[in-house]
Amino acid sequence: MDTQGRTLVSFDIDGTLEMGDPPGPLSAGFVLRTQQSGCLIGSCSDRTIREQSAMWDAAGIVPDFVVVKNQLDSVRERFASLRYVHIGDTHVDAHFAKQASFEFIFVLDLARRLDSPCDSFGDLI
């Protein structure tokens, strides 16, 4: 699959996605619309791969990747994309994003920019 012209979006889970613990401001619908807009999507979390995969299954979303937080750089190695973005809620997320040469977007900043529940990531930037 040619991914070079696409944006890759990595989501933290807890504090970022509605299905996190604690729940975050981004809905599963937002993630799905982001994927449908042409972005590669997946998760990068402190949760195990099994826990992350079960969360995606429960949400009915098939991610392009699932990794633990300190493995974000492996995603960049697997996918040649135009842009790499990690969305999270902590300085730890920002640290691992920077370490993997991903742009970091603080989830509360993104949530403030959402005009309606039907906005997609591609519409916001």
PDB file of N, CA and C in Angstrom:
ATOM      1  N   MET A   1       0.844  -1.182   0.000  1.00  0.00           N
ATOM      2  CA  MET A   1       0.000   0.000   0.000  1.00  0.00           C
ATOM      3  C   MET A   1       0.886   1.241   0.000  1.00  0.00           C
ATOM      4  N   ASP A   2       0.618   2.180  -0.882  1.00  0.00           N
ATOM      5  CA  ASP A   2       1.373   3.421  -0.948  1.00  0.00           C
ATOM      6  C   ASP A   2       0.800   4.399   0.069  1.00  0.00           C
ATOM      7  N   THR A   3       1.588   4.759   1.070  1.00  0.00           N
ATOM      8  CA  THR A   3       1.122   5.658   2.127  1.00  0.00           C
ATOM      9  C   THR A   3       1.854   6.987   2.119  1.00  0.00           C
ATOM     10  N   GLN A   4       2.739   7.211   1.155  1.00  0.00           N
ATOM     11  CA  GLN A   4       3.614   8.382   1.196  1.00  0.00           C
ATOM     12  C   GLN A   4       2.881   9.711   1.200  1.00  0.00           C
ATOM     13  N   GLY A   5       1.736   9.835   0.568  1.00  0.00           N
ATOM     14  CA  GLY A   5       1.029  11.098   0.526  1.00  0.00           C
ATOM     15  C   GLY A   5       0.017  11.259   1.639  1.00  0.00           C
ATOM     16  N   ARG A   6      -0.021  10.331   2.551  1.00  0.00           N
ATOM     17  CA  ARG A   6      -1.035  10.341   3.597  1.00  0.00           C
ATOM     18  C   ARG A   6      -0.496  10.854   4.921  1.00  0.00           C
ATOM     19  N   THR A   7      -1.421  11.241   5.771  1.00  0.00           N
ATOM     20  CA  THR A   7      -1.090  11.620   7.138  1.00  0.00           C
ATOM     21  C   THR A   7      -1.327  10.421   8.032  1.00  0.00           C
ATOM     22  N   LEU A   8      -0.429  10.173   8.953  1.00  0.00           N
ATOM     23  CA  LEU A   8      -0.569   9.108   9.929  1.00  0.00           C
ATOM     24  C   LEU A   8      -0.874   9.754  11.274  1.00  0.00           C
ATOM     25  N   VAL A   9      -1.954   9.304  11.917  1.00  0.00           N
ATOM     26  CA  VAL A   9      -2.375   9.880  13.195  1.00  0.00           C
ATOM     27  C   VAL A   9      -2.370   8.798  14.262  1.00  0.00           C
ATOM     28  N   SER A  10      -1.583   9.007  15.292  1.00  0.00           N
ATOM     29  CA  SER A  10      -1.487   8.110  16.429  1.00  0.00           C
ATOM     30  C   SER A  10      -2.271   8.725  17.593  1.00  0.00           C
ATOM     31  N   PHE A  11      -3.117   7.921  18.215  1.00  0.00           N
ATOM     32  CA  PHE A  11      -3.917   8.387  19.342  1.00  0.00           C
ATOM     33  C   PHE A  11      -3.471   7.715  20.626  1.00  0.00           C
ATOM     34  N   ASP A  12      -3.207   8.518  21.655  1.00  0.00           N
ATOM     35  CA  ASP A  12      -3.105   8.002  23.004  1.00  0.00           C
ATOM     36  C   ASP A  12      -4.533   7.569  23.372  1.00  0.00           C
ATOM     37  N   ILE A  13      -4.703   6.773  24.397  1.00  0.00           N
ATOM     38  CA  ILE A  13      -6.053   6.302  24.757  1.00  0.00           C
ATOM     39  C   ILE A  13      -6.561   6.997  26.012  1.00  0.00           C
ATOM     40  N   ASP A  14      -5.950   6.720  27.149  1.00  0.00           N
ATOM     41  CA  ASP A  14      -6.452   7.243  28.422  1.00  0.00           C
ATOM     42  C   ASP A  14      -6.291   8.757  28.486  1.00  0.00           C
ATOM     43  N   GLY A  15      -7.406   9.438  28.701  1.00  0.00           N
ATOM     44  CA  GLY A  15      -7.412  10.894  28.750  1.00  0.00           C
ATOM     45  C   GLY A  15      -7.522  11.543  27.379  1.00  0.00           C
ATOM     46  N   THR A  16      -7.501  10.736  26.322  1.00  0.00           N
ATOM     47  CA  THR A  16      -7.558  11.259  24.958  1.00  0.00           C
ATOM     48  C   THR A  16      -8.822  10.797  24.238  1.00  0.00           C
ATOM     49  N   LEU A  17      -9.087   9.491  24.270  1.00  0.00           N
ATOM     50  CA  LEU A  17     -10.267   8.931  23.604  1.00  0.00           C
ATOM     51  C   LEU A  17     -11.387   8.693  24.600  1.00  0.00           C
ATOM     52  N   GLU A  18     -12.628   8.768  24.141  1.00  0.00           N
ATOM     53  CA  GLU A  18     -13.783   8.592  25.019  1.00  0.00           C
ATOM     54  C   GLU A  18     -13.790   7.225  25.700  1.00  0.00           C
ATOM     55  N   MET A  19     -13.139   6.231  25.091  1.00  0.00           N
ATOM     56  CA  MET A  19     -13.122   4.901  25.666  1.00  0.00           C
ATOM     57  C   MET A  19     -11.934   4.687  26.599  1.00  0.00           C
ATOM     58  N   GLY A  20     -11.210   5.763  26.880  1.00  0.00           N
ATOM     59  CA  GLY A  20     -10.078   5.691  27.797  1.00  0.00           C
ATOM     60  C   GLY A  20     -10.518   5.694  29.247  1.00  0.00           C
ATOM     61  N   ASP A  21      -9.535   5.531  30.140  1.00  0.00           N
ATOM     62  CA  ASP A  21      -9.784   5.567  31.583  1.00  0.00           C
ATOM     63  C   ASP A  21      -8.690   6.429  32.210  1.00  0.00           C
ATOM     64  N   PRO A  22      -8.932   7.708  32.408  1.00  0.00           N
ATOM     65  CA  PRO A  22     -10.225   8.401  32.291  1.00  0.00           C
ATOM     66  C   PRO A  22     -10.586   8.662  30.824  1.00  0.00           C
ATOM     67  N   PRO A  23     -11.886   8.857  30.592  1.00  0.00           N
ATOM     68  CA  PRO A  23     -12.334   9.167  29.225  1.00  0.00           C
ATOM     69  C   PRO A  23     -11.768  10.506  28.763  1.00  0.00           C
ATOM     70  N   GLY A  24     -11.470  10.573  27.485  1.00  0.00           N
ATOM     71  CA  GLY A  24     -10.997  11.816  26.888  1.00  0.00           C
ATOM     72  C   GLY A  24     -12.064  12.421  25.999  1.00  0.00           C
ATOM     73  N   PRO A  25     -11.784  13.561  25.401  1.00  0.00           N
ATOM     74  CA  PRO A  25     -12.781  14.280  24.623  1.00  0.00           C
ATOM     75  C   PRO A  25     -13.008  13.776  23.197  1.00  0.00           C
ATOM     76  N   LEU A  26     -12.145  12.907  22.663  1.00  0.00           N
ATOM     77  CA  LEU A  26     -12.304  12.470  21.273  1.00  0.00           C
ATOM     78  C   LEU A  26     -13.114  11.177  21.198  1.00  0.00           C
ATOM     79  N   SER A  27     -14.136  11.194  20.364  1.00  0.00           N
ATOM     80  CA  SER A  27     -15.021  10.037  20.230  1.00  0.00           C
ATOM     81  C   SER A  27     -14.459   9.013  19.253  1.00  0.00           C
ATOM     82  N   ALA A  28     -14.990   7.803  19.344  1.00  0.00           N
ATOM     83  CA  ALA A  28     -14.645   6.764  18.373  1.00  0.00           C
ATOM     84  C   ALA A  28     -15.087   7.213  16.985  1.00  0.00           C
ATOM     85  N   GLY A  29     -16.191   7.925  16.920  1.00  0.00           N
ATOM     86  CA  GLY A  29     -16.672   8.455  15.637  1.00  0.00           C
ATOM     87  C   GLY A  29     -15.677   9.413  15.016  1.00  0.00           C
ATOM     88  N   PHE A  30     -15.047  10.240  15.828  1.00  0.00           N
ATOM     89  CA  PHE A  30     -14.020  11.154  15.323  1.00  0.00           C
ATOM     90  C   PHE A  30     -12.854  10.365  14.726  1.00  0.00           C
ATOM     91  N   VAL A  31     -12.417   9.333  15.433  1.00  0.00           N
ATOM     92  CA  VAL A  31     -11.315   8.506  14.940  1.00  0.00           C
ATOM     93  C   VAL A  31     -11.703   7.844  13.615  1.00  0.00           C
ATOM     94  N   LEU A  32     -12.907   7.312  13.553  1.00  0.00           N
ATOM     95  CA  LEU A  32     -13.372   6.651  12.332  1.00  0.00           C
ATOM     96  C   LEU A  32     -13.447   7.640  11.174  1.00  0.00           C
ATOM     97  N   ARG A  33     -13.963   8.835  11.420  1.00  0.00           N
ATOM     98  CA  ARG A  33     -14.024   9.843  10.353  1.00  0.00           C
ATOM     99  C   ARG A  33     -12.625  10.275   9.915  1.00  0.00           C
ATOM    100  N   THR A  34     -11.703  10.309  10.860  1.00  0.00           N
ATOM    101  CA  THR A  34     -10.316  10.628  10.518  1.00  0.00           C
ATOM    102  C   THR A  34      -9.758   9.563   9.579  1.00  0.00           C
ATOM    103  N   GLN A  35     -10.025   8.310   9.896  1.00  0.00           N
ATOM    104  CA  GLN A  35      -9.578   7.213   9.035  1.00  0.00           C
ATOM    105  C   GLN A  35     -10.264   7.281   7.667  1.00  0.00           C
ATOM    106  N   GLN A  36     -11.543   7.556   7.656  1.00  0.00           N
ATOM    107  CA  GLN A  36     -12.290   7.624   6.402  1.00  0.00           C
ATOM    108  C   GLN A  36     -11.863   8.804   5.534  1.00  0.00           C
ATOM    109  N   SER A  37     -11.265   9.820   6.151  1.00  0.00           N
ATOM    110  CA  SER A  37     -10.771  10.972   5.383  1.00  0.00           C
ATOM    111  C   SER A  37      -9.450  10.658   4.675  1.00  0.00           C
ATOM    112  N   GLY A  38      -8.903   9.464   4.913  1.00  0.00           N
ATOM    113  CA  GLY A  38      -7.682   9.052   4.232  1.00  0.00           C
ATOM    114  C   GLY A  38      -6.465   8.933   5.118  1.00  0.00           C
ATOM    115  N   CYS A  39      -6.597   9.273   6.386  1.00  0.00           N
ATOM    116  CA  CYS A  39      -5.467   9.161   7.309  1.00  0.00           C
ATOM    117  C   CYS A  39      -5.276   7.717   7.759  1.00  0.00           C
ATOM    118  N   LEU A  40      -4.031   7.348   7.988  1.00  0.00           N
ATOM    119  CA  LEU A  40      -3.726   6.092   8.667  1.00  0.00           C
ATOM    120  C   LEU A  40      -3.918   6.357  10.150  1.00  0.00           C
ATOM    121  N   ILE A  41      -4.556   5.457  10.881  1.00  0.00           N
ATOM    122  CA  ILE A  41      -4.795   5.698  12.307  1.00  0.00           C
ATOM    123  C   ILE A  41      -4.392   4.483  13.138  1.00  0.00           C
ATOM    124  N   GLY A  42      -4.114   4.762  14.387  1.00  0.00           N
ATOM    125  CA  GLY A  42      -3.809   3.696  15.325  1.00  0.00           C
ATOM    126  C   GLY A  42      -3.598   4.270  16.701  1.00  0.00           C
ATOM    127  N   SER A  43      -3.163   3.406  17.611  1.00  0.00           N
ATOM    128  CA  SER A  43      -2.963   3.863  18.979  1.00  0.00           C
ATOM    129  C   SER A  43      -1.544   3.599  19.446  1.00  0.00           C
ATOM    130  N   CYS A  44      -1.142   4.464  20.345  1.00  0.00           N
ATOM    131  CA  CYS A  44       0.157   4.385  20.995  1.00  0.00           C
ATOM    132  C   CYS A  44      -0.110   4.722  22.453  1.00  0.00           C
ATOM    133  N   SER A  45      -0.062   3.718  23.310  1.00  0.00           N
ATOM    134  CA  SER A  45      -0.535   3.878  24.673  1.00  0.00           C
ATOM    135  C   SER A  45       0.346   3.112  25.655  1.00  0.00           C
ATOM    136  N   ASP A  46       0.138   3.403  26.941  1.00  0.00           N
ATOM    137  CA  ASP A  46       0.771   2.614  27.999  1.00  0.00           C
ATOM    138  C   ASP A  46       0.080   1.259  28.143  1.00  0.00           C
ATOM    139  N   ARG A  47      -1.096   1.116  27.577  1.00  0.00           N
ATOM    140  CA  ARG A  47      -1.828  -0.153  27.642  1.00  0.00           C
ATOM    141  C   ARG A  47      -1.115  -1.208  26.798  1.00  0.00           C
ATOM    142  N   THR A  48      -1.365  -2.469  27.131  1.00  0.00           N
ATOM    143  CA  THR A  48      -0.772  -3.554  26.355  1.00  0.00           C
ATOM    144  C   THR A  48      -1.396  -3.591  24.958  1.00  0.00           C
ATOM    145  N   ILE A  49      -0.710  -4.258  24.045  1.00  0.00           N
ATOM    146  CA  ILE A  49      -1.225  -4.427  22.687  1.00  0.00           C
ATOM    147  C   ILE A  49      -2.582  -5.124  22.749  1.00  0.00           C
ATOM    148  N   ARG A  50      -2.711  -6.136  23.593  1.00  0.00           N
ATOM    149  CA  ARG A  50      -3.976  -6.874  23.730  1.00  0.00           C
ATOM    150  C   ARG A  50      -5.105  -5.945  24.185  1.00  0.00           C
ATOM    151  N   GLU A  51      -4.849  -5.104  25.183  1.00  0.00           N
ATOM    152  CA  GLU A  51      -5.877  -4.175  25.666  1.00  0.00           C
ATOM    153  C   GLU A  51      -6.266  -3.162  24.589  1.00  0.00           C
ATOM    154  N   GLN A  52      -5.268  -2.641  23.881  1.00  0.00           N
ATOM    155  CA  GLN A  52      -5.554  -1.679  22.820  1.00  0.00           C
ATOM    156  C   GLN A  52      -6.368  -2.329  21.704  1.00  0.00           C
ATOM    157  N   SER A  53      -5.969  -3.523  21.307  1.00  0.00           N
ATOM    158  CA  SER A  53      -6.683  -4.229  20.236  1.00  0.00           C
ATOM    159  C   SER A  53      -8.124  -4.521  20.635  1.00  0.00           C
ATOM    160  N   ALA A  54      -8.348  -4.911  21.889  1.00  0.00           N
ATOM    161  CA  ALA A  54      -9.713  -5.169  22.373  1.00  0.00           C
ATOM    162  C   ALA A  54     -10.548  -3.889  22.350  1.00  0.00           C
ATOM    163  N   MET A  55      -9.932  -2.761  22.688  1.00  0.00           N
ATOM    164  CA  MET A  55     -10.645  -1.485  22.650  1.00  0.00           C
ATOM    165  C   MET A  55     -11.086  -1.160  21.229  1.00  0.00           C
ATOM    166  N   TRP A  56     -10.179  -1.326  20.261  1.00  0.00           N
ATOM    167  CA  TRP A  56     -10.531  -1.048  18.867  1.00  0.00           C
ATOM    168  C   TRP A  56     -11.626  -2.002  18.390  1.00  0.00           C
ATOM    169  N   ASP A  57     -11.518  -3.286  18.748  1.00  0.00           N
ATOM    170  CA  ASP A  57     -12.553  -4.253  18.369  1.00  0.00           C
ATOM    171  C   ASP A  57     -13.913  -3.832  18.910  1.00  0.00           C
ATOM    172  N   ALA A  58     -13.947  -3.436  20.174  1.00  0.00           N
ATOM    173  CA  ALA A  58     -15.209  -3.018  20.799  1.00  0.00           C
ATOM    174  C   ALA A  58     -15.790  -1.782  20.122  1.00  0.00           C
ATOM    175  N   ALA A  59     -14.922  -0.919  19.606  1.00  0.00           N
ATOM    176  CA  ALA A  59     -15.376   0.301  18.932  1.00  0.00           C
ATOM    177  C   ALA A  59     -15.729   0.045  17.461  1.00  0.00           C
ATOM    178  N   GLY A  60     -15.401  -1.146  16.953  1.00  0.00           N
ATOM    179  CA  GLY A  60     -15.688  -1.455  15.555  1.00  0.00           C
ATOM    180  C   GLY A  60     -14.757  -0.754  14.576  1.00  0.00           C
ATOM    181  N   ILE A  61     -13.539  -0.470  15.011  1.00  0.00           N
ATOM    182  CA  ILE A  61     -12.554   0.224  14.175  1.00  0.00           C
ATOM    183  C   ILE A  61     -11.361  -0.700  13.962  1.00  0.00           C
ATOM    184  N   VAL A  62     -10.903  -0.787  12.714  1.00  0.00           N
ATOM    185  CA  VAL A  62      -9.717  -1.574  12.402  1.00  0.00           C
ATOM    186  C   VAL A  62      -8.551  -0.601  12.235  1.00  0.00           C
ATOM    187  N   PRO A  63      -7.660  -0.532  13.232  1.00  0.00           N
ATOM    188  CA  PRO A  63      -6.536   0.410  13.148  1.00  0.00           C
ATOM    189  C   PRO A  63      -5.460  -0.097  12.205  1.00  0.00           C
ATOM    190  N   ASP A  64      -4.649   0.825  11.718  1.00  0.00           N
ATOM    191  CA  ASP A  64      -3.517   0.465  10.874  1.00  0.00           C
ATOM    192  C   ASP A  64      -2.321   0.002  11.702  1.00  0.00           C
ATOM    193  N   PHE A  65      -2.286   0.403  12.973  1.00  0.00           N
ATOM    194  CA  PHE A  65      -1.187  -0.001  13.855  1.00  0.00           C
ATOM    195  C   PHE A  65      -1.640   0.122  15.305  1.00  0.00           C
ATOM    196  N   VAL A  66      -0.966  -0.625  16.171  1.00  0.00           N
ATOM    197  CA  VAL A  66      -1.166  -0.576  17.622  1.00  0.00           C
ATOM    198  C   VAL A  66       0.204  -0.826  18.241  1.00  0.00           C
ATOM    199  N   VAL A  67       0.676   0.128  19.044  1.00  0.00           N
ATOM    200  CA  VAL A  67       1.984  -0.012  19.695  1.00  0.00           C
ATOM    201  C   VAL A  67       1.929   0.524  21.114  1.00  0.00           C
ATOM    202  N   VAL A  68       2.894   0.075  21.914  1.00  0.00           N
ATOM    203  CA  VAL A  68       3.055   0.670  23.236  1.00  0.00           C
ATOM    204  C   VAL A  68       3.837   1.970  23.074  1.00  0.00           C
ATOM    205  N   LYS A  69       3.668   2.853  24.021  1.00  0.00           N
ATOM    206  CA  LYS A  69       4.148   4.230  23.892  1.00  0.00           C
ATOM    207  C   LYS A  69       5.621   4.360  23.515  1.00  0.00           C
ATOM    208  N   ASN A  70       6.470   3.543  24.099  1.00  0.00           N
ATOM    209  CA  ASN A  70       7.897   3.690  23.803  1.00  0.00           C
ATOM    210  C   ASN A  70       8.290   3.068  22.462  1.00  0.00           C
ATOM    211  N   GLN A  71       7.307   2.597  21.696  1.00  0.00           N
ATOM    212  CA  GLN A  71       7.566   1.998  20.381  1.00  0.00           C
ATOM    213  C   GLN A  71       7.040   2.864  19.232  1.00  0.00           C
ATOM    214  N   LEU A  72       6.695   4.125  19.503  1.00  0.00           N
ATOM    215  CA  LEU A  72       6.132   4.991  18.461  1.00  0.00           C
ATOM    216  C   LEU A  72       7.083   5.123  17.272  1.00  0.00           C
ATOM    217  N   ASP A  73       8.367   5.135  17.524  1.00  0.00           N
ATOM    218  CA  ASP A  73       9.318   5.245  16.417  1.00  0.00           C
ATOM    219  C   ASP A  73       9.205   4.077  15.438  1.00  0.00           C
ATOM    220  N   SER A  74       8.764   2.915  15.895  1.00  0.00           N
ATOM    221  CA  SER A  74       8.606   1.765  14.995  1.00  0.00           C
ATOM    222  C   SER A  74       7.487   1.995  13.983  1.00  0.00           C
ATOM    223  N   VAL A  75       6.508   2.814  14.335  1.00  0.00           N
ATOM    224  CA  VAL A  75       5.417   3.133  13.409  1.00  0.00           C
ATOM    225  C   VAL A  75       5.969   3.952  12.253  1.00  0.00           C
ATOM    226  N   ARG A  76       6.792   4.899  12.574  1.00  0.00           N
ATOM    227  CA  ARG A  76       7.414   5.728  11.532  1.00  0.00           C
ATOM    228  C   ARG A  76       8.249   4.864  10.585  1.00  0.00           C
ATOM    229  N   GLU A  77       8.906   3.857  11.108  1.00  0.00           N
ATOM    230  CA  GLU A  77       9.711   2.958  10.284  1.00  0.00           C
ATOM    231  C   GLU A  77       8.839   2.088   9.374  1.00  0.00           C
ATOM    232  N   ARG A  78       7.634   1.733   9.829  1.00  0.00           N
ATOM    233  CA  ARG A  78       6.746   0.845   9.057  1.00  0.00           C
ATOM    234  C   ARG A  78       5.955   1.559   7.979  1.00  0.00           C
ATOM    235  N   PHE A  79       5.682   2.848   8.159  1.00  0.00           N
ATOM    236  CA  PHE A  79       4.816   3.586   7.235  1.00  0.00           C
ATOM    237  C   PHE A  79       5.535   4.826   6.718  1.00  0.00           C
ATOM    238  N   ALA A  80       5.678   4.916   5.413  1.00  0.00           N
ATOM    239  CA  ALA A  80       6.243   6.114   4.790  1.00  0.00           C
ATOM    240  C   ALA A  80       5.078   7.063   4.510  1.00  0.00           C
ATOM    241  N   SER A  81       4.913   8.048   5.360  1.00  0.00           N
ATOM    242  CA  SER A  81       3.807   8.996   5.228  1.00  0.00           C
ATOM    243  C   SER A  81       4.334  10.410   5.052  1.00  0.00           C
ATOM    244  N   LEU A  82       3.446  11.270   4.601  1.00  0.00           N
ATOM    245  CA  LEU A  82       3.794  12.674   4.418  1.00  0.00           C
ATOM    246  C   LEU A  82       3.909  13.383   5.763  1.00  0.00           C
ATOM    247  N   ARG A  83       3.063  12.992   6.692  1.00  0.00           N
ATOM    248  CA  ARG A  83       2.995  13.675   7.984  1.00  0.00           C
ATOM    249  C   ARG A  83       2.715  12.649   9.078  1.00  0.00           C
ATOM    250  N   TYR A  84       3.355  12.824  10.234  1.00  0.00           N
ATOM    251  CA  TYR A  84       3.179  11.942  11.387  1.00  0.00           C
ATOM    252  C   TYR A  84       2.735  12.789  12.568  1.00  0.00           C
ATOM    253  N   VAL A  85       1.589  12.428  13.161  1.00  0.00           N
ATOM    254  CA  VAL A  85       1.020  13.204  14.254  1.00  0.00           C
ATOM    255  C   VAL A  85       0.651  12.264  15.396  1.00  0.00           C
ATOM    256  N   HIS A  86       0.970  12.666  16.615  1.00  0.00           N
ATOM    257  CA  HIS A  86       0.517  11.929  17.804  1.00  0.00           C
ATOM    258  C   HIS A  86      -0.346  12.874  18.628  1.00  0.00           C
ATOM    259  N   ILE A  87      -1.522  12.396  19.031  1.00  0.00           N
ATOM    260  CA  ILE A  87      -2.451  13.181  19.844  1.00  0.00           C
ATOM    261  C   ILE A  87      -2.509  12.553  21.227  1.00  0.00           C
ATOM    262  N   GLY A  88      -2.268  13.359  22.244  1.00  0.00           N
ATOM    263  CA  GLY A  88      -2.271  12.842  23.603  1.00  0.00           C
ATOM    264  C   GLY A  88      -2.589  13.916  24.620  1.00  0.00           C
ATOM    265  N   ASP A  89      -2.527  13.515  25.892  1.00  0.00           N
ATOM    266  CA  ASP A  89      -2.944  14.429  26.958  1.00  0.00           C
ATOM    267  C   ASP A  89      -1.868  14.715  27.998  1.00  0.00           C
ATOM    268  N   THR A  90      -0.663  14.198  27.812  1.00  0.00           N
ATOM    269  CA  THR A  90       0.365  14.393  28.836  1.00  0.00           C
ATOM    270  C   THR A  90       1.701  14.809  28.222  1.00  0.00           C
ATOM    271  N   HIS A  91       2.594  15.255  29.099  1.00  0.00           N
ATOM    272  CA  HIS A  91       3.949  15.586  28.673  1.00  0.00           C
ATOM    273  C   HIS A  91       4.715  14.326  28.263  1.00  0.00           C
ATOM    274  N   VAL A  92       4.316  13.187  28.816  1.00  0.00           N
ATOM    275  CA  VAL A  92       4.935  11.918  28.407  1.00  0.00           C
ATOM    276  C   VAL A  92       4.599  11.637  26.939  1.00  0.00           C
ATOM    277  N   ASP A  93       3.344  11.888  26.547  1.00  0.00           N
ATOM    278  CA  ASP A  93       2.961  11.735  25.139  1.00  0.00           C
ATOM    279  C   ASP A  93       3.803  12.656  24.260  1.00  0.00           C
ATOM    280  N   ALA A  94       3.954  13.891  24.686  1.00  0.00           N
ATOM    281  CA  ALA A  94       4.748  14.858  23.919  1.00  0.00           C
ATOM    282  C   ALA A  94       6.199  14.402  23.811  1.00  0.00           C
ATOM    283  N   HIS A  95       6.727  13.848  24.892  1.00  0.00           N
ATOM    284  CA  HIS A  95       8.113  13.365  24.894  1.00  0.00           C
ATOM    285  C   HIS A  95       8.315  12.263  23.847  1.00  0.00           C
ATOM    286  N   PHE A  96       7.436  11.249  23.868  1.00  0.00           N
ATOM    287  CA  PHE A  96       7.599  10.138  22.929  1.00  0.00           C
ATOM    288  C   PHE A  96       7.313  10.565  21.496  1.00  0.00           C
ATOM    289  N   ALA A  97       6.415  11.517  21.309  1.00  0.00           N
ATOM    290  CA  ALA A  97       6.164  12.047  19.961  1.00  0.00           C
ATOM    291  C   ALA A  97       7.424  12.725  19.432  1.00  0.00           C
ATOM    292  N   LYS A  98       8.022  13.567  20.249  1.00  0.00           N
ATOM    293  CA  LYS A  98       9.239  14.266  19.835  1.00  0.00           C
ATOM    294  C   LYS A  98      10.365  13.268  19.561  1.00  0.00           C
ATOM    295  N   GLN A  99      10.491  12.282  20.422  1.00  0.00           N
ATOM    296  CA  GLN A  99      11.541  11.271  20.272  1.00  0.00           C
ATOM    297  C   GLN A  99      11.394  10.508  18.943  1.00  0.00           C
ATOM    298  N   ALA A 100      10.148  10.311  18.486  1.00  0.00           N
ATOM    299  CA  ALA A 100       9.894   9.577  17.243  1.00  0.00           C
ATOM    300  C   ALA A 100       9.744  10.508  16.037  1.00  0.00           C
ATOM    301  N   SER A 101      10.012  11.793  16.231  1.00  0.00           N
ATOM    302  CA  SER A 101       9.878  12.808  15.170  1.00  0.00           C
ATOM    303  C   SER A 101       8.447  12.924  14.656  1.00  0.00           C
ATOM    304  N   PHE A 102       7.491  12.838  15.566  1.00  0.00           N
ATOM    305  CA  PHE A 102       6.073  13.078  15.272  1.00  0.00           C
ATOM    306  C   PHE A 102       5.718  14.485  15.730  1.00  0.00           C
ATOM    307  N   GLU A 103       4.776  15.109  15.043  1.00  0.00           N
ATOM    308  CA  GLU A 103       4.175  16.338  15.573  1.00  0.00           C
ATOM    309  C   GLU A 103       3.334  15.905  16.774  1.00  0.00           C
ATOM    310  N   PHE A 104       3.235  16.766  17.776  1.00  0.00           N
ATOM    311  CA  PHE A 104       2.382  16.466  18.925  1.00  0.00           C
ATOM    312  C   PHE A 104       1.252  17.473  18.992  1.00  0.00           C
ATOM    313  N   ILE A 105       0.048  16.967  19.177  1.00  0.00           N
ATOM    314  CA  ILE A 105      -1.125  17.823  19.388  1.00  0.00           C
ATOM    315  C   ILE A 105      -1.721  17.460  20.736  1.00  0.00           C
ATOM    316  N   PHE A 106      -1.810  18.455  21.600  1.00  0.00           N
ATOM    317  CA  PHE A 106      -2.430  18.261  22.908  1.00  0.00           C
ATOM    318  C   PHE A 106      -3.928  18.125  22.699  1.00  0.00           C
ATOM    319  N   VAL A 107      -4.520  17.054  23.203  1.00  0.00           N
ATOM    320  CA  VAL A 107      -5.914  16.724  22.899  1.00  0.00           C
ATOM    321  C   VAL A 107      -6.886  17.833  23.291  1.00  0.00           C
ATOM    322  N   LEU A 108      -6.631  18.536  24.373  1.00  0.00           N
ATOM    323  CA  LEU A 108      -7.564  19.601  24.763  1.00  0.00           C
ATOM    324  C   LEU A 108      -7.509  20.769  23.790  1.00  0.00           C
ATOM    325  N   ASP A 109      -6.342  21.034  23.208  1.00  0.00           N
ATOM    326  CA  ASP A 109      -6.254  22.066  22.167  1.00  0.00           C
ATOM    327  C   ASP A 109      -7.056  21.647  20.945  1.00  0.00           C
ATOM    328  N   LEU A 110      -6.943  20.390  20.563  1.00  0.00           N
ATOM    329  CA  LEU A 110      -7.701  19.876  19.419  1.00  0.00           C
ATOM    330  C   LEU A 110      -9.196  19.905  19.712  1.00  0.00           C
ATOM    331  N   ALA A 111      -9.588  19.476  20.891  1.00  0.00           N
ATOM    332  CA  ALA A 111     -11.009  19.441  21.254  1.00  0.00           C
ATOM    333  C   ALA A 111     -11.627  20.840  21.219  1.00  0.00           C
ATOM    334  N   ARG A 112     -10.869  21.847  21.604  1.00  0.00           N
ATOM    335  CA  ARG A 112     -11.379  23.227  21.566  1.00  0.00           C
ATOM    336  C   ARG A 112     -11.643  23.684  20.132  1.00  0.00           C
ATOM    337  N   ARG A 113     -10.899  23.118  19.180  1.00  0.00           N
ATOM    338  CA  ARG A 113     -11.064  23.515  17.782  1.00  0.00           C
ATOM    339  C   ARG A 113     -12.187  22.769  17.072  1.00  0.00           C
ATOM    340  N   LEU A 114     -12.697  21.748  17.687  1.00  0.00           N
ATOM    341  CA  LEU A 114     -13.789  20.998  17.060  1.00  0.00           C
ATOM    342  C   LEU A 114     -15.053  21.856  17.048  1.00  0.00           C
ATOM    343  N   ASP A 115     -15.579  22.125  15.871  1.00  0.00           N
ATOM    344  CA  ASP A 115     -16.789  22.928  15.764  1.00  0.00           C
ATOM    345  C   ASP A 115     -18.039  22.099  15.972  1.00  0.00           C
ATOM    346  N   SER A 116     -17.980  20.840  15.590  1.00  0.00           N
ATOM    347  CA  SER A 116     -19.140  19.956  15.719  1.00  0.00           C
ATOM    348  C   SER A 116     -18.635  18.528  15.803  1.00  0.00           C
ATOM    349  N   PRO A 117     -19.514  17.605  16.226  1.00  0.00           N
ATOM    350  CA  PRO A 117     -19.084  16.222  16.345  1.00  0.00           C
ATOM    351  C   PRO A 117     -18.713  15.574  15.004  1.00  0.00           C
ATOM    352  N   CYS A 118     -19.012  16.221  13.890  1.00  0.00           N
ATOM    353  CA  CYS A 118     -18.723  15.584  12.610  1.00  0.00           C
ATOM    354  C   CYS A 118     -17.422  16.065  11.982  1.00  0.00           C
ATOM    355  N   ASP A 119     -16.679  16.909  12.651  1.00  0.00           N
ATOM    356  CA  ASP A 119     -15.383  17.332  12.132  1.00  0.00           C
ATOM    357  C   ASP A 119     -14.428  16.152  12.087  1.00  0.00           C
ATOM    358  N   SER A 120     -13.546  16.136  11.131  1.00  0.00           N
ATOM    359  CA  SER A 120     -12.504  15.121  11.067  1.00  0.00           C
ATOM    360  C   SER A 120     -11.158  15.793  11.259  1.00  0.00           C
ATOM    361  N   PHE A 121     -10.162  15.009  11.533  1.00  0.00           N
ATOM    362  CA  PHE A 121      -8.818  15.536  11.734  1.00  0.00           C
ATOM    363  C   PHE A 121      -8.372  16.337  10.512  1.00  0.00           C
ATOM    364  N   GLY A 122      -8.617  15.807   9.334  1.00  0.00           N
ATOM    365  CA  GLY A 122      -8.204  16.462   8.103  1.00  0.00           C
ATOM    366  C   GLY A 122      -8.812  17.848   7.935  1.00  0.00           C
ATOM    367  N   ASP A 123     -10.006  18.061   8.478  1.00  0.00           N
ATOM    368  CA  ASP A 123     -10.659  19.361   8.386  1.00  0.00           C
ATOM    369  C   ASP A 123     -10.066  20.383   9.357  1.00  0.00           C
ATOM    370  N   LEU A 124      -9.341  19.914  10.353  1.00  0.00           N
ATOM    371  CA  LEU A 124      -8.868  20.802  11.408  1.00  0.00           C
ATOM    372  C   LEU A 124      -7.508  21.409  11.126  1.00  0.00           C
ATOM    373  N   ILE A 125      -6.777  20.845  10.172  1.00  0.00           N
ATOM    374  CA  ILE A 125      -5.429  21.351   9.918  1.00  0.00           C
ATOM    375  C   ILE A 125      -5.212  21.603   8.443  1.00  0.00           C
TER     376      ILE A 125
END
